[in-house]
Amino acid sequence: MTLSTAYAIGDVLSLHNSLHRKPKEAKAFYAVYGGLVTLAAALVLTPAAPLGLLTNAVQALAGVLLPSATVFLLLLCGDHAVLGPWVNGRALSVFTGAVIAALLMLSSVLTTSVFFPVMGDTTILAIRGSGMLFTVVISAALLLIRREDRRV
């Protein structure tokens, strides 16, 4: 987590960031990385720190952010202006869309179970079922829109 955060901060601040560079070449990146490791160590070593709560909060955050990142990645992989001839084909985009739909369902279950730990199996099955129904409805709508675009 600290390394990916250091890379993100380095990208935002336009730092020379890479573990392949020597510390003399990327002083700011290694300083940010070292500072984040020190902060994480201080947090873990703090007496009476709610580590279980922090772990659950990180899982919930990952459950919220991962699906949105994968949707943007799918959109990027379908952009001809960016990838040119290496853009994803239709079959791969449909497969990836199905994987993202499954990821959305699993992330919603994870996030809900973190915020509501007493959630039972019936609720999880209801979330999965509604997610599958939502996926089928959206897929059908997209297919209908695509057919209408071809007719025009």
C-alpha atoms as a PDB file:
ATOM      1  CA  MET A   1       0.000   0.000   0.000  1.00  0.00           C
ATOM      2  CA  THR A   2       2.779   2.418   0.880  1.00  0.00           C
ATOM      3  CA  LEU A   3       4.650   1.765  -2.344  1.00  0.00           C
ATOM      4  CA  SER A   4       1.596   2.291  -4.552  1.00  0.00           C
ATOM      5  CA  THR A   5       0.804   5.471  -2.614  1.00  0.00           C
ATOM      6  CA  ALA A   6       4.386   6.673  -3.108  1.00  0.00           C
ATOM      7  CA  TYR A   7       4.070   6.046  -6.848  1.00  0.00           C
ATOM      8  CA  ALA A   8       0.749   7.922  -6.962  1.00  0.00           C
ATOM      9  CA  ILE A   9       2.183  10.894  -5.068  1.00  0.00           C
ATOM     10  CA  GLY A  10       5.250  10.830  -7.314  1.00  0.00           C
ATOM     11  CA  ASP A  11       3.033  10.910 -10.413  1.00  0.00           C
ATOM     12  CA  VAL A  12       0.985  13.812  -9.074  1.00  0.00           C
ATOM     13  CA  LEU A  13       4.091  15.802  -8.144  1.00  0.00           C
ATOM     14  CA  SER A  14       6.004  14.819 -11.334  1.00  0.00           C
ATOM     15  CA  LEU A  15       8.835  13.237  -9.367  1.00  0.00           C
ATOM     16  CA  HIS A  16      11.334  10.807 -10.825  1.00  0.00           C
ATOM     17  CA  ASN A  17       9.726   7.755  -9.298  1.00  0.00           C
ATOM     18  CA  SER A  18      10.908   4.217  -9.717  1.00  0.00           C
ATOM     19  CA  LEU A  19      12.541   1.561  -7.644  1.00  0.00           C
ATOM     20  CA  HIS A  20      14.868   1.028 -10.606  1.00  0.00           C
ATOM     21  CA  ARG A  21      16.470   4.399  -9.969  1.00  0.00           C
ATOM     22  CA  LYS A  22      19.112   4.784  -7.335  1.00  0.00           C
ATOM     23  CA  PRO A  23      18.158   6.783  -4.222  1.00  0.00           C
ATOM     24  CA  LYS A  24      20.512   9.590  -5.357  1.00  0.00           C
ATOM     25  CA  GLU A  25      18.554   9.899  -8.625  1.00  0.00           C
ATOM     26  CA  ALA A  26      15.087   9.828  -7.031  1.00  0.00           C
ATOM     27  CA  LYS A  27      15.556  11.444  -3.633  1.00  0.00           C
ATOM     28  CA  ALA A  28      12.025  12.839  -3.392  1.00  0.00           C
ATOM     29  CA  PHE A  29      10.413   9.509  -4.296  1.00  0.00           C
ATOM     30  CA  TYR A  30      12.430   7.592  -1.732  1.00  0.00           C
ATOM     31  CA  ALA A  31      11.727  10.304   0.852  1.00  0.00           C
ATOM     32  CA  VAL A  32       7.983   9.990   0.267  1.00  0.00           C
ATOM     33  CA  TYR A  33       8.221   6.192   0.367  1.00  0.00           C
ATOM     34  CA  GLY A  34      10.291   6.241   3.561  1.00  0.00           C
ATOM     35  CA  GLY A  35       7.923   8.723   5.171  1.00  0.00           C
ATOM     36  CA  LEU A  36       4.913   6.557   4.353  1.00  0.00           C
ATOM     37  CA  VAL A  37       6.625   3.423   5.713  1.00  0.00           C
ATOM     38  CA  THR A  38       7.510   5.335   8.899  1.00  0.00           C
ATOM     39  CA  LEU A  39       3.929   6.588   9.242  1.00  0.00           C
ATOM     40  CA  ALA A  40       2.535   3.068   8.760  1.00  0.00           C
ATOM     41  CA  ALA A  41       4.990   1.624  11.287  1.00  0.00           C
ATOM     42  CA  ALA A  42       4.111   4.309  13.822  1.00  0.00           C
ATOM     43  CA  LEU A  43       0.420   3.589  13.318  1.00  0.00           C
ATOM     44  CA  VAL A  44       0.873  -0.157  13.792  1.00  0.00           C
ATOM     45  CA  LEU A  45       3.101   0.246  16.846  1.00  0.00           C
ATOM     46  CA  THR A  46       0.779   2.715  18.561  1.00  0.00           C
ATOM     47  CA  PRO A  47      -0.670   1.093  21.666  1.00  0.00           C
ATOM     48  CA  ALA A  48      -4.435   0.545  21.563  1.00  0.00           C
ATOM     49  CA  ALA A  49      -4.624   1.375  17.850  1.00  0.00           C
ATOM     50  CA  PRO A  50      -7.771  -0.165  16.325  1.00  0.00           C
ATOM     51  CA  LEU A  51      -5.921  -2.354  13.814  1.00  0.00           C
ATOM     52  CA  GLY A  52      -8.957  -4.510  13.064  1.00  0.00           C
ATOM     53  CA  LEU A  53     -10.989  -1.426  12.237  1.00  0.00           C
ATOM     54  CA  LEU A  54      -8.191  -0.064  10.038  1.00  0.00           C
ATOM     55  CA  THR A  55      -7.923  -3.375   8.170  1.00  0.00           C
ATOM     56  CA  ASN A  56     -11.675  -3.451   7.579  1.00  0.00           C
ATOM     57  CA  ALA A  57     -11.656   0.183   6.453  1.00  0.00           C
ATOM     58  CA  VAL A  58      -8.908  -0.541   3.921  1.00  0.00           C
ATOM     59  CA  GLN A  59     -10.871  -3.540   2.623  1.00  0.00           C
ATOM     60  CA  ALA A  60     -14.012  -1.434   2.280  1.00  0.00           C
ATOM     61  CA  LEU A  61     -12.074   1.275   0.453  1.00  0.00           C
ATOM     62  CA  ALA A  62     -10.611  -1.309  -1.908  1.00  0.00           C
ATOM     63  CA  GLY A  63     -14.091  -2.691  -2.480  1.00  0.00           C
ATOM     64  CA  VAL A  64     -15.298   0.758  -3.501  1.00  0.00           C
ATOM     65  CA  LEU A  65     -12.311   1.869  -5.598  1.00  0.00           C
ATOM     66  CA  LEU A  66     -11.379  -1.315  -7.466  1.00  0.00           C
ATOM     67  CA  PRO A  67     -14.544  -1.595  -9.594  1.00  0.00           C
ATOM     68  CA  SER A  68     -14.373   2.048 -10.678  1.00  0.00           C
ATOM     69  CA  ALA A  69     -10.714   1.662 -11.626  1.00  0.00           C
ATOM     70  CA  THR A  70     -11.470  -1.429 -13.703  1.00  0.00           C
ATOM     71  CA  VAL A  71     -14.326   0.332 -15.499  1.00  0.00           C
ATOM     72  CA  PHE A  72     -11.972   3.166 -16.466  1.00  0.00           C
ATOM     73  CA  LEU A  73      -9.397   0.603 -17.578  1.00  0.00           C
ATOM     74  CA  LEU A  74     -12.008  -1.091 -19.771  1.00  0.00           C
ATOM     75  CA  LEU A  75     -12.917   2.264 -21.303  1.00  0.00           C
ATOM     76  CA  LEU A  76      -9.239   2.969 -21.918  1.00  0.00           C
ATOM     77  CA  CYS A  77      -8.762  -0.427 -23.585  1.00  0.00           C
ATOM     78  CA  GLY A  78     -11.585   0.408 -25.996  1.00  0.00           C
ATOM     79  CA  ASP A  79     -10.238   3.824 -27.014  1.00  0.00           C
ATOM     80  CA  HIS A  80      -8.885   3.811 -30.564  1.00  0.00           C
ATOM     81  CA  ALA A  81      -7.219   7.205 -30.108  1.00  0.00           C
ATOM     82  CA  VAL A  82      -5.085   5.879 -27.265  1.00  0.00           C
ATOM     83  CA  LEU A  83      -4.325   2.299 -28.302  1.00  0.00           C
ATOM     84  CA  GLY A  84      -4.762   2.421 -32.053  1.00  0.00           C
ATOM     85  CA  PRO A  85      -4.550  -1.097 -33.528  1.00  0.00           C
ATOM     86  CA  TRP A  86      -4.109  -2.710 -30.096  1.00  0.00           C
ATOM     87  CA  VAL A  87      -7.611  -1.790 -28.925  1.00  0.00           C
ATOM     88  CA  ASN A  88      -9.688  -4.603 -27.417  1.00  0.00           C
ATOM     89  CA  GLY A  89     -12.002  -6.459 -29.757  1.00  0.00           C
ATOM     90  CA  ARG A  90     -15.728  -6.864 -29.170  1.00  0.00           C
ATOM     91  CA  ALA A  91     -15.482 -10.383 -27.695  1.00  0.00           C
ATOM     92  CA  LEU A  92     -12.764  -9.382 -25.245  1.00  0.00           C
ATOM     93  CA  SER A  93     -14.699  -6.266 -24.225  1.00  0.00           C
ATOM     94  CA  VAL A  94     -17.841  -8.340 -23.571  1.00  0.00           C
ATOM     95  CA  PHE A  95     -15.840 -10.845 -21.516  1.00  0.00           C
ATOM     96  CA  THR A  96     -14.172  -8.036 -19.574  1.00  0.00           C
ATOM     97  CA  GLY A  97     -17.556  -6.414 -18.983  1.00  0.00           C
ATOM     98  CA  ALA A  98     -18.844  -9.691 -17.509  1.00  0.00           C
ATOM     99  CA  VAL A  99     -15.775  -9.917 -15.261  1.00  0.00           C
ATOM    100  CA  ILE A 100     -16.332  -6.327 -14.109  1.00  0.00           C
ATOM    101  CA  ALA A 101     -20.003  -7.090 -13.405  1.00  0.00           C
ATOM    102  CA  ALA A 102     -18.940 -10.033 -11.223  1.00  0.00           C
ATOM    103  CA  LEU A 103     -16.338  -7.822  -9.568  1.00  0.00           C
ATOM    104  CA  LEU A 104     -19.002  -5.209  -8.815  1.00  0.00           C
ATOM    105  CA  MET A 105     -21.202  -7.819  -7.158  1.00  0.00           C
ATOM    106  CA  LEU A 106     -18.358  -9.236  -5.086  1.00  0.00           C
ATOM    107  CA  SER A 107     -17.174  -5.761  -4.112  1.00  0.00           C
ATOM    108  CA  SER A 108     -20.660  -4.779  -3.028  1.00  0.00           C
ATOM    109  CA  VAL A 109     -20.864  -7.904  -0.867  1.00  0.00           C
ATOM    110  CA  LEU A 110     -17.432  -7.195   0.626  1.00  0.00           C
ATOM    111  CA  THR A 111     -18.175  -3.550   1.325  1.00  0.00           C
ATOM    112  CA  THR A 112     -21.606  -4.289   2.778  1.00  0.00           C
ATOM    113  CA  SER A 113     -20.258  -7.086   4.985  1.00  0.00           C
ATOM    114  CA  VAL A 114     -17.554  -4.770   6.337  1.00  0.00           C
ATOM    115  CA  PHE A 115     -20.016  -2.024   7.209  1.00  0.00           C
ATOM    116  CA  PHE A 116     -22.690  -4.466   8.432  1.00  0.00           C
ATOM    117  CA  PRO A 117     -20.878  -7.482   9.920  1.00  0.00           C
ATOM    118  CA  VAL A 118     -24.106  -9.172  11.058  1.00  0.00           C
ATOM    119  CA  MET A 119     -25.271  -9.578   7.456  1.00  0.00           C
ATOM    120  CA  GLY A 120     -26.480 -13.114   6.840  1.00  0.00           C
ATOM    121  CA  ASP A 121     -26.327 -15.515   3.925  1.00  0.00           C
ATOM    122  CA  THR A 122     -29.796 -14.538   2.731  1.00  0.00           C
ATOM    123  CA  THR A 123     -28.735 -10.920   2.334  1.00  0.00           C
ATOM    124  CA  ILE A 124     -25.584 -11.912   0.451  1.00  0.00           C
ATOM    125  CA  LEU A 125     -27.625 -14.086  -1.908  1.00  0.00           C
ATOM    126  CA  ALA A 126     -30.113 -11.233  -2.398  1.00  0.00           C
ATOM    127  CA  ILE A 127     -27.273  -8.857  -3.286  1.00  0.00           C
ATOM    128  CA  ARG A 128     -25.792 -11.362  -5.738  1.00  0.00           C
ATOM    129  CA  GLY A 129     -29.190 -12.060  -7.291  1.00  0.00           C
ATOM    130  CA  SER A 130     -30.030  -8.388  -7.705  1.00  0.00           C
ATOM    131  CA  GLY A 131     -26.564  -7.799  -9.141  1.00  0.00           C
ATOM    132  CA  MET A 132     -27.050 -10.540 -11.712  1.00  0.00           C
ATOM    133  CA  LEU A 133     -30.490  -9.179 -12.596  1.00  0.00           C
ATOM    134  CA  PHE A 134     -29.043  -5.663 -12.937  1.00  0.00           C
ATOM    135  CA  THR A 135     -26.267  -7.016 -15.176  1.00  0.00           C
ATOM    136  CA  VAL A 136     -28.737  -8.815 -17.443  1.00  0.00           C
ATOM    137  CA  VAL A 137     -30.975  -5.727 -17.719  1.00  0.00           C
ATOM    138  CA  ILE A 138     -28.051  -3.410 -18.527  1.00  0.00           C
ATOM    139  CA  SER A 139     -26.634  -5.890 -21.059  1.00  0.00           C
ATOM    140  CA  ALA A 140     -29.997  -6.193 -22.796  1.00  0.00           C
ATOM    141  CA  ALA A 141     -30.378  -2.409 -22.870  1.00  0.00           C
ATOM    142  CA  LEU A 142     -26.910  -2.000 -24.361  1.00  0.00           C
ATOM    143  CA  LEU A 143     -27.652  -4.611 -27.027  1.00  0.00           C
ATOM    144  CA  LEU A 144     -30.902  -2.834 -27.942  1.00  0.00           C
ATOM    145  CA  ILE A 145     -29.156   0.528 -28.140  1.00  0.00           C
ATOM    146  CA  ARG A 146     -26.445  -1.007 -30.324  1.00  0.00           C
ATOM    147  CA  ARG A 147     -29.053  -2.480 -32.690  1.00  0.00           C
ATOM    148  CA  GLU A 148     -30.842   0.873 -32.941  1.00  0.00           C
ATOM    149  CA  ASP A 149     -27.521   2.595 -33.752  1.00  0.00           C
ATOM    150  CA  ARG A 150     -26.882   0.124 -36.591  1.00  0.00           C
ATOM    151  CA  ARG A 151     -30.319   0.769 -38.103  1.00  0.00           C
ATOM    152  CA  VAL A 152     -29.787   4.532 -38.242  1.00  0.00           C
END
